[in-house]
């Protein structure tokens, strides 16, 4: 059995972010670190977006950033200046190339492209070729779709994105459309992102919050309809396609720190339940564990503060119950509050007074009833 100080299972956003931060910290230069995945990643198969105030999350590979965001509903539209925040986009291919170049330059990092078959509680990983033992195992693979459990609310954020190129200049590259609800909601929460790289090119993404996925043809039809309607049937070419499903759940994710098996990424609770944003919170999660590793032992699992878990759970409850149209929730949130405060709130950096200010803008009777119920039921 081959032994390592740290084993990272899964070389996606979470696993490679963790490996990269270990590689950039000289404290871990003498640690023997193994990264396991069934394949070495290189494809442009995802885009990751996040907002931040600090320029410290992979600034070298941010393809595009915006300081202005458009929010639109069927009867309201506004461009918000979010400075000093920026909304940032990273392509997965750039991320993989950049991180792996750093990791391959480190002699203490080892890579195995093997299928992971089992992670055992006593600290070993079984693959289709060998068995490896680690003092700590940081795991980001496994089923992230939470099956229905009593008192747990789970919606799916599912989306189809096209990177398109128009024949004529139609986009404002200075403004990203964060949420365009001016589409048929069909009883769900549906909106479109438009993230322009320049006047001709943009990532356009059709997104739905619901309990079930659709036939793939429906996403294509909705994207076609949106582009034809919003841009007057301008001809375009599809340069890239992506599809994703993110679980939005108030399930209490946990890690078995006593057995030194630590879940990271969505499995470890890094996906914000109310928005689906993950990349930013992965970085917070990793910092949480690295600080403890440098103190010799991990004693506390990463977990959002209870108040934010409660707020997220309340929103999921309201969305699931459909007591009010979903777009009106976000309309109240963004149009009645100062947007920088909303971003701070969604980044989980607000104090109680700021929380109250933000939450006072939504439908108080509906959200109050949901708050009472979820406070009683939330684990």
Protein backbone atom coordinates (compact mmCIF):
# COMPACT_ATOMS: atom_id res chain seq x y z
CA UNK A 1 0.00 0.00 0.00
CA UNK A 2 1.44 3.38 -1.06
CA UNK A 3 1.31 6.08 1.62
CA UNK A 4 0.79 9.82 1.25
CA UNK A 5 0.32 12.72 3.64
CA UNK A 6 -2.64 14.06 1.65
CA UNK A 7 -4.80 12.41 -1.00
CA UNK A 8 -7.18 14.49 -3.12
CA UNK A 9 -9.86 12.47 -4.91
CA UNK A 10 -11.37 14.27 -7.86
CA UNK A 11 -9.57 16.81 -10.05
CA UNK A 12 -12.39 19.25 -10.68
CA UNK A 13 -12.86 22.79 -9.37
CA UNK A 14 -12.67 21.78 -5.70
CA UNK A 15 -9.91 19.19 -5.91
CA UNK A 16 -7.61 21.27 -8.09
CA UNK A 17 -8.29 24.49 -6.17
CA UNK A 18 -7.27 22.64 -3.01
CA UNK A 19 -4.15 21.19 -4.65
CA UNK A 20 -3.18 24.58 -6.06
CA UNK A 21 -3.36 26.33 -2.69
CA UNK A 22 -1.30 23.56 -1.11
CA UNK A 23 1.28 23.93 -3.89
CA UNK A 24 1.50 27.70 -3.43
CA UNK A 25 2.13 27.40 0.32
CA UNK A 26 5.72 26.47 1.21
CA UNK A 27 4.45 24.89 4.45
CA UNK A 28 3.42 21.84 2.40
CA UNK A 29 6.57 21.50 0.30
CA UNK A 30 7.70 18.45 2.24
CA UNK A 31 4.30 16.78 2.22
CA UNK A 32 3.70 13.91 -0.17
CA UNK A 33 0.46 14.70 -2.01
CA UNK A 34 -1.52 12.51 -4.41
CA UNK A 35 -4.23 13.71 -6.80
CA UNK A 36 -6.53 10.96 -8.11
CA UNK A 37 -9.03 11.14 -10.94
CA UNK A 38 -10.14 8.86 -13.75
CA UNK A 39 -8.76 11.40 -16.24
CA UNK A 40 -6.55 14.47 -16.36
CA UNK A 41 -8.78 17.46 -16.99
CA UNK A 42 -8.24 19.81 -19.90
CA UNK A 43 -11.60 20.38 -21.61
CA UNK A 44 -13.59 23.58 -21.90
CA UNK A 45 -16.73 22.01 -20.44
CA UNK A 46 -17.73 24.58 -17.82
CA UNK A 47 -17.65 28.25 -17.00
CA UNK A 48 -17.43 29.36 -13.38
CA UNK A 49 -18.72 32.75 -12.29
CA UNK A 50 -18.50 34.57 -8.98
CA UNK A 51 -18.58 38.07 -7.61
CA UNK A 52 -15.92 39.40 -5.28
CA UNK A 53 -14.41 42.61 -3.96
CA UNK A 54 -10.85 41.33 -3.72
CA UNK A 55 -8.77 40.44 -6.75
CA UNK A 56 -7.40 37.28 -5.16
CA UNK A 57 -9.30 34.35 -6.73
CA UNK A 58 -7.25 33.18 -9.72
CA UNK A 59 -6.87 36.71 -11.14
CA UNK A 60 -4.44 35.47 -13.81
CA UNK A 61 -7.11 33.42 -15.59
CA UNK A 62 -10.26 35.52 -15.24
CA UNK A 63 -11.40 35.78 -18.84
CA UNK A 64 -13.78 38.65 -18.28
CA UNK A 65 -15.04 40.77 -15.41
CA UNK A 66 -17.95 43.17 -15.25
CA UNK A 67 -18.64 46.02 -12.83
CA UNK A 68 -22.18 46.52 -14.10
CA UNK A 69 -25.06 44.05 -13.88
CA UNK A 70 -28.45 44.12 -15.56
CA UNK A 71 -31.51 42.70 -13.82
CA UNK A 72 -34.72 42.50 -15.86
CA UNK A 73 -38.28 41.34 -15.27
CA UNK A 74 -41.33 41.70 -17.50
CA UNK A 75 -41.95 45.23 -16.25
CA UNK A 76 -38.67 46.40 -14.66
CA UNK A 77 -35.14 46.71 -15.91
CA UNK A 78 -32.09 48.33 -14.37
CA UNK A 79 -28.32 48.38 -14.80
CA UNK A 80 -26.53 48.38 -11.45
CA UNK A 81 -23.01 49.62 -10.80
CA UNK A 82 -21.55 47.05 -8.39
CA UNK A 83 -18.10 48.61 -7.94
CA UNK A 84 -16.00 47.74 -5.86
CA UNK A 85 -17.46 44.29 -6.59
CA UNK A 86 -16.84 42.66 -9.92
CA UNK A 87 -18.61 39.74 -11.55
CA UNK A 88 -15.96 37.36 -12.85
CA UNK A 89 -15.87 34.50 -15.34
CA UNK A 90 -13.31 31.69 -15.66
CA UNK A 91 -13.30 29.01 -18.35
CA UNK A 92 -12.59 25.49 -17.11
CA UNK A 93 -9.93 24.88 -19.79
CA UNK A 94 -7.96 27.93 -18.62
CA UNK A 95 -8.33 26.82 -15.01
CA UNK A 96 -7.13 23.27 -15.68
CA UNK A 97 -4.17 24.41 -17.75
CA UNK A 98 -3.07 27.05 -15.24
CA UNK A 99 -3.41 24.90 -12.13
CA UNK A 100 -1.92 21.73 -13.60
CA UNK A 101 1.11 23.64 -14.88
CA UNK A 102 1.80 24.72 -11.30
CA UNK A 103 1.19 21.27 -9.83
CA UNK A 104 3.36 19.45 -12.36
CA UNK A 105 6.25 21.73 -11.42
CA UNK A 106 6.13 20.50 -7.80
CA UNK A 107 8.12 17.37 -7.03
CA UNK A 108 6.00 16.46 -4.02
CA UNK A 109 2.79 16.21 -6.09
CA UNK A 110 1.85 12.92 -7.72
CA UNK A 111 -0.94 12.21 -10.21
CA UNK A 112 -2.76 8.99 -10.95
CA UNK A 113 -5.43 8.64 -13.64
CA UNK A 114 -7.33 5.75 -12.13
CA UNK A 115 -10.96 5.00 -11.42
CA UNK A 116 -11.79 5.43 -7.74
CA UNK A 117 -13.84 2.48 -6.52
CA UNK A 118 -13.98 2.99 -2.76
CA UNK A 119 -12.87 5.37 -0.02
CA UNK A 120 -12.50 3.47 3.21
CA UNK A 121 -13.06 5.01 6.62
CA UNK A 122 -9.63 4.03 7.92
CA UNK A 123 -7.98 6.32 5.37
CA UNK A 124 -7.41 4.37 2.19
CA UNK A 125 -8.55 4.83 -1.38
CA UNK A 126 -9.16 1.81 -3.59
CA UNK A 127 -8.84 2.30 -7.34
CA UNK A 128 -9.07 -0.08 -10.27
CA UNK A 129 -5.28 -0.42 -10.14
CA UNK A 130 -4.08 -0.01 -6.56
CA UNK A 131 -4.74 0.97 -2.95
CA UNK A 132 -3.43 4.22 -1.47
CA UNK A 133 -3.34 5.34 2.15
CA UNK A 134 -3.51 8.96 3.22
CA UNK A 135 -3.22 10.72 6.54
CA UNK A 136 -5.96 12.97 5.16
CA UNK A 137 -8.26 12.30 2.23
CA UNK A 138 -10.02 15.28 0.67
CA UNK A 139 -12.86 13.95 -1.45
CA UNK A 140 -14.89 15.80 -4.07
CA UNK A 141 -16.47 12.90 -5.97
CA UNK A 142 -19.78 11.17 -5.39
CA UNK A 143 -23.48 11.76 -5.83
CA UNK A 144 -24.32 15.41 -5.19
CA UNK A 145 -28.04 15.09 -5.98
CA UNK A 146 -29.69 14.82 -2.59
CA UNK A 147 -32.52 12.34 -2.56
CA UNK A 148 -35.72 13.36 -0.86
CA UNK A 149 -35.44 13.16 2.91
CA UNK A 150 -37.83 14.19 5.60
CA UNK A 151 -37.71 17.95 6.23
CA UNK A 152 -34.96 18.48 3.63
CA UNK A 153 -35.77 20.79 0.71
CA UNK A 154 -33.92 20.22 -2.55
CA UNK A 155 -34.41 21.99 -5.84
CA UNK A 156 -32.26 21.58 -8.92
CA UNK A 157 -30.62 24.45 -10.72
CA UNK A 158 -30.30 23.15 -14.27
CA UNK A 159 -29.02 25.13 -17.20
CA UNK A 160 -27.97 25.01 -20.83
CA UNK A 161 -25.45 27.53 -22.07
CA UNK A 162 -24.35 28.54 -25.55
CA UNK A 163 -21.31 30.62 -26.29
CA UNK A 164 -22.47 32.42 -29.41
CA UNK A 165 -21.01 34.75 -31.98
CA UNK A 166 -23.30 37.23 -33.71
CA UNK A 167 -22.73 38.49 -37.24
CA UNK A 168 -23.36 42.05 -36.08
CA UNK A 169 -22.39 43.88 -32.87
CA UNK A 170 -25.35 43.57 -30.48
CA UNK A 171 -23.84 43.20 -27.00
CA UNK A 172 -22.59 45.77 -24.52
CA UNK A 173 -19.38 44.14 -23.21
CA UNK A 174 -19.42 46.40 -20.14
CA UNK A 175 -22.71 45.00 -18.79
CA UNK A 176 -23.49 41.42 -17.77
CA UNK A 177 -27.12 40.33 -17.60
CA UNK A 178 -27.25 38.49 -14.29
CA UNK A 179 -30.95 37.61 -14.39
CA UNK A 180 -33.41 38.23 -17.20
CA UNK A 181 -36.83 37.03 -16.04
CA UNK A 182 -38.58 38.52 -19.08
CA UNK A 183 -39.37 35.06 -20.43
CA UNK A 184 -42.23 32.60 -19.94
CA UNK A 185 -41.85 31.36 -16.37
CA UNK A 186 -44.14 28.34 -16.94
CA UNK A 187 -44.81 28.09 -13.21
CA UNK A 188 -41.13 27.79 -12.28
CA UNK A 189 -38.25 30.15 -11.61
CA UNK A 190 -36.64 30.72 -15.03
CA UNK A 191 -34.17 33.31 -16.23
CA UNK A 192 -31.36 33.90 -18.70
CA UNK A 193 -27.77 35.02 -18.18
CA UNK A 194 -26.07 37.02 -20.93
CA UNK A 195 -22.34 37.39 -20.31
CA UNK A 196 -20.79 39.35 -23.21
CA UNK A 197 -17.09 39.00 -23.94
CA UNK A 198 -17.23 41.67 -26.64
CA UNK A 199 -19.81 43.25 -28.95
CA UNK A 200 -20.17 40.06 -30.99
CA UNK A 201 -19.61 37.19 -28.53
CA UNK A 202 -21.39 36.15 -25.33
CA UNK A 203 -22.23 33.21 -23.12
CA UNK A 204 -26.03 32.95 -23.04
CA UNK A 205 -27.43 30.56 -20.45
CA UNK A 206 -31.01 29.42 -19.88
CA UNK A 207 -31.46 28.55 -16.19
CA UNK A 208 -34.30 26.95 -14.23
CA UNK A 209 -34.89 26.27 -10.53
CA UNK A 210 -37.23 23.29 -10.28
CA UNK A 211 -37.57 19.79 -8.86
CA UNK A 212 -37.09 17.97 -12.17
CA UNK A 213 -34.96 18.20 -15.28
CA UNK A 214 -36.33 18.76 -18.78
CA UNK A 215 -35.82 17.03 -22.09
CA UNK A 216 -32.63 18.46 -23.63
CA UNK A 217 -34.59 19.71 -26.63
CA UNK A 218 -36.54 22.11 -24.40
CA UNK A 219 -33.40 23.97 -23.31
CA UNK A 220 -32.36 24.39 -26.94
CA UNK A 221 -35.80 25.63 -27.94
CA UNK A 222 -35.85 28.18 -25.11
CA UNK A 223 -32.39 29.48 -26.00
CA UNK A 224 -33.34 29.81 -29.66
CA UNK A 225 -36.52 31.65 -28.75
CA UNK A 226 -34.69 34.02 -26.40
CA UNK A 227 -31.98 34.91 -28.91
CA UNK A 228 -34.43 35.42 -31.75
CA UNK A 229 -36.76 37.53 -29.62
CA UNK A 230 -34.17 39.69 -27.87
CA UNK A 231 -31.88 40.23 -30.83
CA UNK A 232 -34.39 40.51 -33.68
CA UNK A 233 -33.51 37.24 -35.39
CA UNK A 234 -29.89 38.24 -35.88
CA UNK A 235 -27.87 35.34 -37.32
CA UNK A 236 -25.46 33.71 -34.89
CA UNK A 237 -23.04 30.82 -34.63
CA UNK A 238 -22.77 28.48 -31.61
CA UNK A 239 -19.11 28.22 -30.58
CA UNK A 240 -19.53 26.12 -27.44
CA UNK A 241 -22.28 24.34 -25.47
CA UNK A 242 -22.48 23.36 -21.83
CA UNK A 243 -25.08 21.78 -19.60
CA UNK A 244 -25.09 21.53 -15.82
CA UNK A 245 -27.14 20.52 -12.80
CA UNK A 246 -26.47 22.00 -9.35
CA UNK A 247 -28.30 20.76 -6.24
CA UNK A 248 -29.82 23.59 -4.20
CA UNK A 249 -30.48 21.92 -0.87
CA UNK A 250 -30.70 22.74 2.82
CA UNK A 251 -29.32 19.26 3.49
CA UNK A 252 -26.69 19.43 6.24
CA UNK A 253 -23.49 18.35 4.52
CA UNK A 254 -20.80 17.07 6.82
CA UNK A 255 -17.36 15.48 6.84
CA UNK A 256 -15.98 12.70 8.99
CA UNK A 257 -13.09 14.66 10.48
CA UNK A 258 -12.48 11.95 13.09
CA UNK A 259 -11.65 9.49 10.33
CA UNK A 260 -9.72 12.17 8.41
CA UNK A 261 -11.99 11.91 5.37
CA UNK A 262 -12.99 15.43 4.42
CA UNK A 263 -15.56 16.17 1.76
CA UNK A 264 -14.91 19.28 -0.32
CA UNK A 265 -16.81 21.10 -3.05
CA UNK A 266 -20.55 20.53 -3.21
CA UNK A 267 -20.22 17.30 -1.19
CA UNK A 268 -18.66 19.32 1.60
CA UNK A 269 -21.28 22.08 1.63
CA UNK A 270 -19.61 24.63 -0.65
CA UNK A 271 -22.67 25.17 -2.86
CA UNK A 272 -24.82 28.01 -1.60
CA UNK A 273 -28.29 26.54 -1.38
CA UNK A 274 -30.22 29.64 -2.44
CA UNK A 275 -28.15 30.58 -5.49
CA UNK A 276 -26.16 27.52 -6.58
CA UNK A 277 -22.91 29.53 -6.60
CA UNK A 278 -20.05 27.27 -5.66
CA UNK A 279 -16.65 28.42 -6.97
CA UNK A 280 -16.32 31.34 -4.53
CA UNK A 281 -17.34 29.22 -1.54
CA UNK A 282 -14.92 26.46 -2.55
CA UNK A 283 -12.11 28.94 -1.97
CA UNK A 284 -13.49 29.80 1.48
CA UNK A 285 -13.84 26.11 2.28
CA UNK A 286 -10.27 25.35 1.26
CA UNK A 287 -8.86 28.21 3.32
CA UNK A 288 -10.79 26.82 6.30
CA UNK A 289 -9.06 23.45 6.01
CA UNK A 290 -5.60 24.72 5.13
CA UNK A 291 -5.51 26.86 8.28
CA UNK A 292 -6.23 23.76 10.34
CA UNK A 293 -3.73 21.59 8.47
CA UNK A 294 -1.04 24.12 9.31
CA UNK A 295 -1.95 23.67 12.95
CA UNK A 296 -1.34 19.92 12.51
CA UNK A 297 -4.91 18.62 12.80
CA UNK A 298 -8.39 19.21 11.38
CA UNK A 299 -10.87 19.45 14.20
CA UNK A 300 -13.80 21.31 12.64
CA UNK A 301 -15.65 20.63 9.39
CA UNK A 302 -16.51 23.48 7.06
CA UNK A 303 -20.11 24.56 7.43
CA UNK A 304 -22.00 27.79 6.68
CA UNK A 305 -23.23 29.73 9.69
CA UNK A 306 -26.63 28.58 10.88
CA UNK A 307 -28.26 31.91 10.04
CA UNK A 308 -27.27 31.62 6.38
CA UNK A 309 -28.41 28.01 6.22
CA UNK A 310 -31.73 29.20 7.62
CA UNK A 311 -32.05 32.08 5.14
CA UNK A 312 -31.27 29.74 2.24
CA UNK A 313 -33.74 27.17 3.53
CA UNK A 314 -36.46 29.81 3.77
CA UNK A 315 -35.93 30.87 0.16
CA UNK A 316 -35.98 27.26 -1.03
CA UNK A 317 -39.23 26.72 0.87
CA UNK A 318 -40.85 29.78 -0.72
CA UNK A 319 -39.67 28.77 -4.19
CA UNK A 320 -40.92 25.22 -3.75
CA UNK A 321 -44.31 26.19 -2.33
CA UNK A 322 -44.88 28.76 -5.14
CA UNK A 323 -46.99 31.04 -2.94
CA UNK A 324 -45.67 33.99 -4.95
CA UNK A 325 -44.21 34.12 -8.46
CA UNK A 326 -40.50 33.40 -8.17
CA UNK A 327 -39.38 36.40 -10.20
CA UNK A 328 -41.08 38.78 -7.72
CA UNK A 329 -38.76 37.54 -4.96
CA UNK A 330 -35.67 38.55 -6.89
CA UNK A 331 -37.37 41.70 -8.13
CA UNK A 332 -37.94 42.77 -4.52
CA UNK A 333 -34.46 41.73 -3.50
CA UNK A 334 -32.57 43.62 -6.20
CA UNK A 335 -34.79 46.60 -6.96
CA UNK A 336 -35.69 47.54 -3.38
CA UNK A 337 -32.25 47.04 -1.80
CA UNK A 338 -28.84 48.52 -2.44
CA UNK A 339 -27.29 45.94 -4.73
CA UNK A 340 -23.88 45.98 -3.06
CA UNK A 341 -25.58 45.05 0.19
CA UNK A 342 -27.42 42.22 -1.58
CA UNK A 343 -24.13 40.88 -2.95
CA UNK A 344 -22.59 41.15 0.50
CA UNK A 345 -25.58 39.27 1.92
CA UNK A 346 -25.34 36.52 -0.70
CA UNK A 347 -21.59 36.29 -0.02
CA UNK A 348 -22.44 35.58 3.65
CA UNK A 349 -20.55 38.61 4.99
CA UNK A 350 -23.37 40.64 6.55
CA UNK A 351 -24.20 41.42 10.17
CA UNK A 352 -27.66 40.95 11.69
CA UNK A 353 -28.75 44.54 11.04
CA UNK A 354 -27.79 44.22 7.39
CA UNK A 355 -29.63 40.89 7.20
CA UNK A 356 -32.79 42.54 8.51
CA UNK A 357 -32.50 45.39 5.99
CA UNK A 358 -32.25 42.96 3.07
CA UNK A 359 -34.97 40.59 4.28
CA UNK A 360 -37.39 43.44 4.99
CA UNK A 361 -37.63 44.09 1.24
CA UNK A 362 -39.24 40.76 0.32
CA UNK A 363 -42.83 39.60 0.89
CA UNK A 364 -42.81 39.69 4.69
CA UNK A 365 -45.95 37.59 5.42
CA UNK A 366 -44.84 34.78 3.09
CA UNK A 367 -41.23 34.78 4.24
CA UNK A 368 -42.14 35.11 7.93
CA UNK A 369 -44.29 31.99 7.83
CA UNK A 370 -41.54 30.15 6.00
CA UNK A 371 -38.95 31.38 8.51
CA UNK A 372 -40.94 30.03 11.47
CA UNK A 373 -41.44 26.67 9.80
CA UNK A 374 -37.85 26.21 8.64
CA UNK A 375 -36.42 27.33 11.98
CA UNK A 376 -38.35 24.49 13.62
CA UNK A 377 -37.43 21.88 11.01
CA UNK A 378 -33.88 22.74 9.99
CA UNK A 379 -31.29 20.32 11.37
